[in-house]
């Protein structure tokens, strides 16, 4: 009788322990991984499980005030006895066409091979069906074809720009490596260089992404070698899936403010050209068809305490998407920039006679001339003589336009201001 009772007690307590185990299992499930948004540079990978090894990657990331420039060389190795034609590329995660909840679109994406990029790969862009949140979340794939002979290595170069976001006011970006299922084995050799706009040799490295104040850099990989403003990461046999995330607060960080000659409403205000989103745009009023319209840019440094002060950028390059980038048909409905010039709108000196006041220079060497194609992609222009913004604020003046098929309003989707030379930091300029 005692044996039967004891067995019943054991079964009872076993059931209770089993129940507690299930409760613990479901209450301590790991949280889903944090979605990476904003400027997410990506390692291209084969999409169809081709047996390829990423033999080497040499990556250079240059940080400007509002975006990063990515230049990379990848070496893919075919270890098999047969030739392989691989579809290579990467997807972007989008949500509601809002970059606060999405990954930045790569602007001016170019894939090439050869020392000077003589041969260009045809990059195709495909948008997946929108499958979530009422059709507002989707993936956008960028792909190209790479042919690799047996036991050989094929190299290709990738170049593009990505708009940075500022989580809690802190600029940040990520270089995302694919999980192990896409390439065979580990990444043979990785050389990742980050060209920062500030001297990082005396700045502390944080163990968390966000602090409320102070100057610091957060880095998800082991601390790099630092030479002034250059951060160098080098790895042999790097595990796939090891992402490089950088968040940095460097005693305030440059930003740009923009004003316009006219605006076509709040949804098409001038600040849309700096939001990094190619689907939004600045729109002028329709009265003069776009010729003579202008955008003027003011450089501002915001400190961690919130105060602002001017800084002095030197501008040698400017990028532009010269129309309404919402989609291809909308692009041609509105007027687009045919030609424009970026010069300095010099401030008049108070107290001087009118004929002695400083006025905008008309010298060609003091301007960047833009001759745009009627193309929805980012186009970049430069000049040998940089614009010294200590002398005035950069103003983009429209000289001529491609007339819109349906509307006279001029549109510009995006502007990139290259506000430093890569070999200099902001405090040196």
Protein backbone atom coordinates (compact mmCIF):
# COMPACT_ATOMS: atom_id res chain seq x y z
CA UNK A 1 0.00 0.00 0.00
CA UNK A 2 2.85 2.36 0.85
CA UNK A 3 4.56 1.47 -2.45
CA UNK A 4 1.44 2.41 -4.42
CA UNK A 5 1.11 5.74 -2.55
CA UNK A 6 4.78 6.57 -3.06
CA UNK A 7 4.50 5.81 -6.78
CA UNK A 8 1.50 8.14 -7.05
CA UNK A 9 3.46 10.91 -5.28
CA UNK A 10 6.44 10.45 -7.63
CA UNK A 11 4.15 10.61 -10.66
CA UNK A 12 2.47 13.71 -9.23
CA UNK A 13 5.73 15.56 -8.60
CA UNK A 14 7.14 14.41 -11.94
CA UNK A 15 4.14 15.93 -13.70
CA UNK A 16 4.59 19.20 -11.75
CA UNK A 17 8.31 19.36 -12.63
CA UNK A 18 7.51 18.64 -16.27
CA UNK A 19 4.90 21.42 -16.27
CA UNK A 20 7.38 23.87 -14.70
CA UNK A 21 9.95 22.87 -17.32
CA UNK A 22 7.56 23.69 -20.16
CA UNK A 23 6.70 27.02 -18.50
CA UNK A 24 10.38 27.92 -18.20
CA UNK A 25 11.04 26.85 -21.77
CA UNK A 26 8.39 29.14 -23.20
CA UNK A 27 8.97 32.05 -20.81
CA UNK A 28 12.71 32.24 -21.57
CA UNK A 29 12.60 31.88 -25.33
CA UNK A 30 15.25 34.09 -26.93
CA UNK A 31 13.98 37.42 -28.21
CA UNK A 32 14.00 37.88 -31.97
CA UNK A 33 17.15 39.52 -33.28
CA UNK A 34 17.08 43.29 -33.52
CA UNK A 35 16.33 44.44 -37.04
CA UNK A 36 19.24 46.35 -38.54
CA UNK A 37 18.05 49.52 -40.27
CA UNK A 38 19.62 52.58 -41.83
CA UNK A 39 23.00 52.38 -43.58
CA UNK A 40 23.61 48.64 -43.94
CA UNK A 41 26.46 47.80 -46.31
CA UNK A 42 26.40 44.12 -47.28
CA UNK A 43 28.77 41.40 -48.39
CA UNK A 44 27.41 40.09 -51.74
CA UNK A 45 26.79 36.35 -51.78
CA UNK A 46 25.67 33.62 -54.25
CA UNK A 47 21.91 33.19 -54.13
CA UNK A 48 21.56 29.64 -55.43
CA UNK A 49 23.86 27.70 -53.09
CA UNK A 50 26.73 27.51 -55.59
CA UNK A 51 29.83 25.90 -53.99
CA UNK A 52 31.95 29.07 -53.77
CA UNK A 53 34.41 30.38 -51.20
CA UNK A 54 34.84 34.05 -50.35
CA UNK A 55 38.61 33.99 -50.63
CA UNK A 56 39.23 37.66 -49.85
CA UNK A 57 37.43 40.95 -49.21
CA UNK A 58 39.08 44.37 -49.21
CA UNK A 59 36.58 47.02 -48.08
CA UNK A 60 36.94 50.79 -47.71
CA UNK A 61 34.18 52.76 -45.98
CA UNK A 62 34.47 56.57 -46.00
CA UNK A 63 32.24 58.44 -43.54
CA UNK A 64 30.80 61.85 -44.43
CA UNK A 65 28.40 63.94 -42.36
CA UNK A 66 25.19 62.27 -43.57
CA UNK A 67 26.23 59.18 -45.56
CA UNK A 68 28.96 56.61 -46.15
CA UNK A 69 30.78 55.69 -49.36
CA UNK A 70 31.53 51.99 -49.82
CA UNK A 71 34.29 50.73 -52.15
CA UNK A 72 35.06 47.01 -52.03
CA UNK A 73 36.84 44.23 -53.90
CA UNK A 74 35.67 40.63 -53.48
CA UNK A 75 37.52 37.48 -54.59
CA UNK A 76 35.31 34.42 -55.17
CA UNK A 77 36.96 31.02 -55.54
CA UNK A 78 35.56 28.02 -57.41
CA UNK A 79 36.95 24.87 -55.76
CA UNK A 80 35.11 22.49 -58.09
CA UNK A 81 36.18 20.86 -61.37
CA UNK A 82 33.40 22.56 -63.35
CA UNK A 83 32.77 26.18 -64.36
CA UNK A 84 30.17 28.04 -62.33
CA UNK A 85 27.91 30.90 -63.34
CA UNK A 86 26.68 32.35 -60.06
CA UNK A 87 23.94 34.88 -59.40
CA UNK A 88 25.52 37.14 -56.79
CA UNK A 89 23.97 40.01 -54.85
CA UNK A 90 22.15 41.06 -51.70
CA UNK A 91 18.66 42.10 -50.53
CA UNK A 92 17.53 45.24 -48.73
CA UNK A 93 14.80 45.15 -46.11
CA UNK A 94 12.20 47.89 -46.59
CA UNK A 95 9.17 48.92 -44.59
CA UNK A 96 6.61 51.58 -45.50
CA UNK A 97 9.14 53.40 -47.72
CA UNK A 98 10.38 54.94 -44.47
CA UNK A 99 14.11 54.85 -43.78
CA UNK A 100 13.48 55.00 -40.05
CA UNK A 101 12.13 51.45 -40.43
CA UNK A 102 14.16 50.23 -43.39
CA UNK A 103 17.62 49.79 -44.84
CA UNK A 104 19.00 52.64 -46.95
CA UNK A 105 18.90 52.14 -50.71
CA UNK A 106 22.39 51.90 -52.29
CA UNK A 107 22.79 55.03 -54.40
CA UNK A 108 24.86 54.91 -57.62
CA UNK A 109 25.51 51.17 -57.21
CA UNK A 110 28.17 50.02 -59.68
CA UNK A 111 29.73 46.54 -60.04
CA UNK A 112 32.78 46.12 -62.26
CA UNK A 113 35.98 44.13 -62.79
CA UNK A 114 39.49 45.00 -63.94
CA UNK A 115 41.98 47.36 -62.32
CA UNK A 116 40.16 50.46 -63.55
CA UNK A 117 36.70 48.91 -63.76
CA UNK A 118 36.81 48.64 -67.54
CA UNK A 119 34.16 45.90 -67.62
CA UNK A 120 30.83 46.47 -65.91
CA UNK A 121 28.38 43.88 -64.66
CA UNK A 122 24.72 44.41 -65.42
CA UNK A 123 23.05 44.98 -62.06
CA UNK A 124 19.37 44.06 -61.93
CA UNK A 125 16.98 45.24 -59.24
CA UNK A 126 13.92 43.20 -58.35
CA UNK A 127 11.30 44.07 -55.80
CA UNK A 128 9.64 41.14 -54.03
CA UNK A 129 5.92 41.06 -53.40
CA UNK A 130 4.95 43.07 -50.37
CA UNK A 131 3.89 40.43 -47.91
CA UNK A 132 3.46 42.04 -44.50
CA UNK A 133 1.62 44.87 -42.76
CA UNK A 134 -0.91 45.34 -45.49
CA UNK A 135 1.66 45.08 -48.26
CA UNK A 136 4.11 47.67 -46.87
CA UNK A 137 7.11 45.46 -46.03
CA UNK A 138 9.21 43.92 -48.76
CA UNK A 139 12.67 42.96 -49.97
CA UNK A 140 14.49 44.56 -52.85
CA UNK A 141 17.20 42.42 -54.48
CA UNK A 142 20.28 43.71 -56.30
CA UNK A 143 21.94 40.95 -58.35
CA UNK A 144 24.48 40.31 -61.12
CA UNK A 145 26.07 37.28 -62.83
CA UNK A 146 29.66 36.12 -62.15
CA UNK A 147 31.38 33.41 -64.23
CA UNK A 148 34.19 31.48 -62.48
CA UNK A 149 36.34 28.79 -64.12
CA UNK A 150 37.29 25.55 -62.30
CA UNK A 151 39.85 26.05 -59.49
CA UNK A 152 40.04 29.78 -60.29
CA UNK A 153 39.37 33.06 -58.49
CA UNK A 154 37.20 35.82 -59.95
CA UNK A 155 37.47 39.36 -58.59
CA UNK A 156 34.90 42.12 -58.85
CA UNK A 157 34.54 45.64 -57.47
CA UNK A 158 31.46 47.15 -55.84
CA UNK A 159 30.86 50.86 -55.21
CA UNK A 160 27.83 52.75 -53.77
CA UNK A 161 26.63 55.31 -51.20
CA UNK A 162 24.35 54.77 -48.19
CA UNK A 163 22.53 57.37 -46.11
CA UNK A 164 23.22 57.14 -42.36
CA UNK A 165 20.47 57.43 -39.77
CA UNK A 166 20.97 58.88 -36.30
CA UNK A 167 19.51 56.68 -33.60
CA UNK A 168 19.19 58.86 -30.48
CA UNK A 169 21.09 61.47 -32.49
CA UNK A 170 24.12 59.18 -32.93
CA UNK A 171 25.39 58.46 -36.48
CA UNK A 172 25.72 54.76 -37.19
CA UNK A 173 26.17 52.15 -39.88
CA UNK A 174 26.66 48.39 -40.25
CA UNK A 175 28.74 46.19 -42.55
CA UNK A 176 26.73 42.96 -42.67
CA UNK A 177 28.32 39.58 -43.40
CA UNK A 178 26.15 36.69 -44.68
CA UNK A 179 25.42 33.62 -42.56
CA UNK A 180 27.47 30.48 -43.17
CA UNK A 181 24.94 28.83 -45.48
CA UNK A 182 25.80 31.03 -48.48
CA UNK A 183 29.58 30.61 -48.86
CA UNK A 184 31.56 27.41 -48.30
CA UNK A 185 33.58 27.66 -45.08
CA UNK A 186 34.96 30.82 -43.52
CA UNK A 187 35.98 34.07 -45.21
CA UNK A 188 39.63 33.59 -46.16
CA UNK A 189 40.96 37.12 -45.53
CA UNK A 190 39.19 40.35 -44.56
CA UNK A 191 40.67 43.84 -44.69
CA UNK A 192 38.07 46.43 -43.68
CA UNK A 193 39.12 50.08 -43.44
CA UNK A 194 36.88 52.81 -42.04
CA UNK A 195 37.89 56.38 -42.92
CA UNK A 196 36.39 58.50 -40.13
CA UNK A 197 35.92 62.29 -40.27
CA UNK A 198 37.52 62.81 -36.84
CA UNK A 199 40.82 61.89 -35.16
CA UNK A 200 39.92 58.68 -33.28
CA UNK A 201 43.30 58.01 -31.62
CA UNK A 202 42.26 59.56 -28.28
CA UNK A 203 38.60 58.58 -28.26
CA UNK A 204 37.42 55.77 -26.00
CA UNK A 205 35.72 52.64 -27.31
CA UNK A 206 32.41 51.82 -25.63
CA UNK A 207 30.99 48.40 -24.76
CA UNK A 208 27.40 49.54 -25.40
CA UNK A 209 25.80 51.18 -28.42
CA UNK A 210 24.41 54.26 -26.71
CA UNK A 211 25.58 56.73 -24.14
CA UNK A 212 23.77 59.93 -23.29
CA UNK A 213 26.77 62.23 -23.72
CA UNK A 214 30.50 62.36 -24.31
CA UNK A 215 32.76 61.29 -27.17
CA UNK A 216 33.04 57.58 -27.91
CA UNK A 217 32.93 54.89 -30.59
CA UNK A 218 31.00 51.64 -30.23
CA UNK A 219 32.29 48.77 -32.35
CA UNK A 220 30.83 45.25 -32.48
CA UNK A 221 34.13 43.66 -33.64
CA UNK A 222 37.38 43.61 -31.64
CA UNK A 223 39.01 47.03 -31.31
CA UNK A 224 40.73 47.94 -34.58
CA UNK A 225 44.17 49.32 -35.27
CA UNK A 226 43.88 53.13 -35.14
CA UNK A 227 45.98 55.54 -37.13
CA UNK A 228 44.57 59.02 -36.64
CA UNK A 229 41.16 58.86 -38.40
CA UNK A 230 41.67 55.42 -39.99
CA UNK A 231 40.23 52.31 -38.31
CA UNK A 232 41.66 49.04 -39.68
CA UNK A 233 40.13 45.59 -39.15
CA UNK A 234 42.03 42.54 -40.43
CA UNK A 235 40.97 38.93 -39.98
CA UNK A 236 42.09 35.56 -41.29
CA UNK A 237 39.38 32.88 -41.54
CA UNK A 238 36.62 35.18 -40.36
CA UNK A 239 33.34 33.53 -39.46
CA UNK A 240 30.40 34.45 -41.68
CA UNK A 241 27.74 36.35 -39.80
CA UNK A 242 30.22 38.53 -37.87
CA UNK A 243 28.84 42.00 -38.58
CA UNK A 244 30.72 45.25 -38.10
CA UNK A 245 28.48 47.82 -36.40
CA UNK A 246 29.77 51.31 -35.67
CA UNK A 247 28.02 53.96 -33.56
CA UNK A 248 29.96 57.13 -32.84
CA UNK A 249 29.49 60.32 -30.85
CA UNK A 250 32.45 62.57 -31.50
CA UNK A 251 31.76 65.76 -29.59
CA UNK A 252 29.01 66.74 -31.97
CA UNK A 253 28.75 65.80 -35.61
CA UNK A 254 28.14 67.86 -38.76
CA UNK A 255 24.74 68.16 -40.39
CA UNK A 256 23.22 70.21 -43.18
CA UNK A 257 20.13 72.40 -43.26
CA UNK A 258 18.52 73.31 -46.58
CA UNK A 259 16.24 76.07 -47.86
CA UNK A 260 14.67 76.54 -51.30
CA UNK A 261 13.49 79.27 -53.65
CA UNK A 262 10.01 77.69 -53.53
CA UNK A 263 8.31 74.54 -52.26
CA UNK A 264 5.40 72.46 -53.48
CA UNK A 265 3.94 71.72 -50.04
CA UNK A 266 5.00 70.00 -46.79
CA UNK A 267 5.20 66.57 -48.37
CA UNK A 268 7.66 67.93 -50.95
CA UNK A 269 9.71 70.32 -48.80
CA UNK A 270 13.38 71.11 -49.38
CA UNK A 271 14.61 68.83 -46.58
CA UNK A 272 13.50 65.77 -48.60
CA UNK A 273 16.70 66.05 -50.68
CA UNK A 274 18.75 65.21 -47.55
CA UNK A 275 16.64 62.39 -46.08
CA UNK A 276 18.44 59.59 -47.96
CA UNK A 277 15.16 58.31 -49.32
CA UNK A 278 15.04 58.21 -53.16
CA UNK A 279 11.23 57.84 -53.08
CA UNK A 280 10.72 61.33 -51.61
CA UNK A 281 11.56 64.62 -53.32
CA UNK A 282 11.68 68.39 -53.19
CA UNK A 283 9.19 69.95 -55.60
CA UNK A 284 9.26 73.57 -56.76
CA UNK A 285 6.25 75.70 -57.60
CA UNK A 286 5.14 75.33 -61.24
CA UNK A 287 5.30 79.03 -62.14
CA UNK A 288 8.66 79.30 -63.92
CA UNK A 289 9.13 75.69 -64.99
CA UNK A 290 12.18 75.14 -62.77
CA UNK A 291 14.80 77.35 -64.45
CA UNK A 292 16.31 79.72 -61.88
CA UNK A 293 15.06 77.72 -58.88
CA UNK A 294 17.66 77.03 -56.19
CA UNK A 295 18.49 75.01 -53.09
CA UNK A 296 20.83 76.53 -50.49
CA UNK A 297 22.68 74.49 -47.89
CA UNK A 298 23.80 75.64 -44.44
CA UNK A 299 26.47 73.64 -42.57
CA UNK A 300 25.67 73.14 -38.87
CA UNK A 301 27.48 71.35 -36.05
CA UNK A 302 25.20 70.09 -33.28
CA UNK A 303 26.90 69.38 -29.98
CA UNK A 304 25.79 66.64 -27.53
CA UNK A 305 24.21 69.38 -25.41
CA UNK A 306 22.04 70.47 -28.34
CA UNK A 307 23.67 73.81 -29.13
CA UNK A 308 24.71 74.60 -32.70
CA UNK A 309 27.72 76.23 -34.28
CA UNK A 310 28.99 76.63 -37.82
CA UNK A 311 31.76 74.47 -39.20
CA UNK A 312 33.73 74.85 -42.42
CA UNK A 313 33.42 72.07 -44.98
CA UNK A 314 35.27 71.99 -48.27
CA UNK A 315 33.05 70.66 -51.05
CA UNK A 316 34.57 69.09 -54.18
CA UNK A 317 31.80 66.66 -55.13
CA UNK A 318 28.03 66.65 -55.17
CA UNK A 319 25.60 63.83 -55.99
CA UNK A 320 22.07 64.33 -57.32
CA UNK A 321 19.01 62.32 -58.32
CA UNK A 322 17.66 65.00 -60.66
CA UNK A 323 13.92 64.28 -60.61
CA UNK A 324 11.02 62.65 -58.77
CA UNK A 325 12.32 59.19 -57.85
CA UNK A 326 9.08 57.60 -56.64
CA UNK A 327 8.96 55.35 -59.70
CA UNK A 328 9.96 55.51 -63.36
CA UNK A 329 6.64 56.78 -64.72
CA UNK A 330 6.43 59.52 -62.06
CA UNK A 331 10.02 60.54 -62.85
CA UNK A 332 9.03 61.60 -66.39
CA UNK A 333 5.77 63.26 -65.36
CA UNK A 334 7.64 66.09 -63.59
CA UNK A 335 10.50 68.32 -64.79
CA UNK A 336 14.06 67.13 -64.13
CA UNK A 337 17.38 68.95 -63.88
CA UNK A 338 19.27 69.18 -67.17
CA UNK A 339 22.03 71.52 -65.99
CA UNK A 340 22.86 73.33 -62.76
CA UNK A 341 25.75 74.88 -60.89
CA UNK A 342 26.82 74.67 -57.25
CA UNK A 343 28.48 77.89 -56.13
CA UNK A 344 28.85 79.92 -52.96
CA UNK A 345 26.21 82.44 -51.98
CA UNK A 346 28.48 84.92 -50.22
CA UNK A 347 27.11 86.98 -47.36
CA UNK A 348 27.07 90.70 -47.86
CA UNK A 349 29.32 92.67 -45.53
CA UNK A 350 27.34 95.03 -43.34
CA UNK A 351 28.40 98.66 -43.33
CA UNK A 352 30.04 98.64 -46.77
CA UNK A 353 28.77 100.48 -49.82
CA UNK A 354 26.78 98.32 -52.25
CA UNK A 355 29.55 98.22 -54.82
CA UNK A 356 32.05 96.96 -52.22
CA UNK A 357 29.90 94.18 -50.79
CA UNK A 358 30.99 90.60 -51.38
CA UNK A 359 28.86 88.92 -54.04
CA UNK A 360 28.70 85.39 -55.45
CA UNK A 361 31.66 84.53 -57.65
CA UNK A 362 30.96 83.75 -61.30
CA UNK A 363 34.35 82.09 -61.88
CA UNK A 364 34.01 78.55 -63.16
CA UNK A 365 36.80 77.32 -60.90
CA UNK A 366 34.68 78.36 -57.92
CA UNK A 367 31.74 76.21 -58.94
CA UNK A 368 30.73 72.65 -59.61
CA UNK A 369 28.94 72.34 -62.96
CA UNK A 370 26.27 69.64 -63.32
CA UNK A 371 25.23 68.30 -66.71
CA UNK A 372 22.58 65.72 -65.80
CA UNK A 373 21.13 62.87 -67.81
CA UNK A 374 17.39 62.26 -67.69
CA UNK A 375 18.04 59.27 -65.45
CA UNK A 376 16.47 58.24 -62.15
CA UNK A 377 19.84 57.12 -60.72
CA UNK A 378 22.29 59.09 -58.55
CA UNK A 379 24.79 61.14 -60.61
CA UNK A 380 28.01 62.54 -59.09
CA UNK A 381 29.94 65.62 -60.24
CA UNK A 382 33.18 67.18 -59.01
CA UNK A 383 35.58 70.06 -59.48
CA UNK A 384 39.34 70.38 -59.07
CA UNK A 385 39.03 73.48 -56.88
CA UNK A 386 36.99 72.78 -53.71
CA UNK A 387 34.38 75.24 -52.51
CA UNK A 388 35.50 76.84 -49.23
CA UNK A 389 32.29 77.23 -47.28
CA UNK A 390 33.94 79.78 -44.98
CA UNK A 391 33.31 82.23 -47.83
CA UNK A 392 29.60 81.46 -48.14
CA UNK A 393 26.88 78.85 -48.23
CA UNK A 394 26.65 76.38 -51.14
CA UNK A 395 23.75 77.16 -53.48
CA UNK A 396 22.58 74.83 -56.24
CA UNK A 397 21.04 76.95 -59.03
CA UNK A 398 19.07 75.31 -61.85
CA UNK A 399 20.17 76.49 -65.30
CA UNK A 400 17.97 74.31 -67.55
CA UNK A 401 15.45 71.48 -67.23
CA UNK A 402 13.95 68.52 -69.07
CA UNK A 403 10.24 69.50 -69.17
CA UNK A 404 7.84 67.13 -67.45
CA UNK A 405 5.29 65.26 -69.56
CA UNK A 406 2.39 66.23 -67.29
CA UNK A 407 3.59 68.87 -64.78
CA UNK A 408 5.89 71.91 -64.83
CA UNK A 409 7.09 71.44 -61.25
CA UNK A 410 10.80 70.68 -60.96
CA UNK A 411 11.73 67.79 -58.63
CA UNK A 412 14.99 66.64 -57.02
CA UNK A 413 14.90 63.39 -55.01
CA UNK A 414 18.26 63.34 -53.29
CA UNK A 415 21.46 65.36 -52.79
CA UNK A 416 24.76 64.03 -51.43
CA UNK A 417 27.25 66.67 -50.25
CA UNK A 418 30.81 65.35 -50.06
CA UNK A 419 31.87 67.77 -47.33
CA UNK A 420 35.48 66.71 -46.73
CA UNK A 421 38.46 65.23 -48.48
CA UNK A 422 39.05 61.63 -47.36
CA UNK A 423 42.62 62.37 -46.28
CA UNK A 424 41.45 65.18 -43.95
CA UNK A 425 39.25 65.37 -40.88
CA UNK A 426 36.65 68.06 -40.25
CA UNK A 427 38.74 69.84 -37.63
CA UNK A 428 41.64 70.12 -40.10
CA UNK A 429 39.66 71.84 -42.81
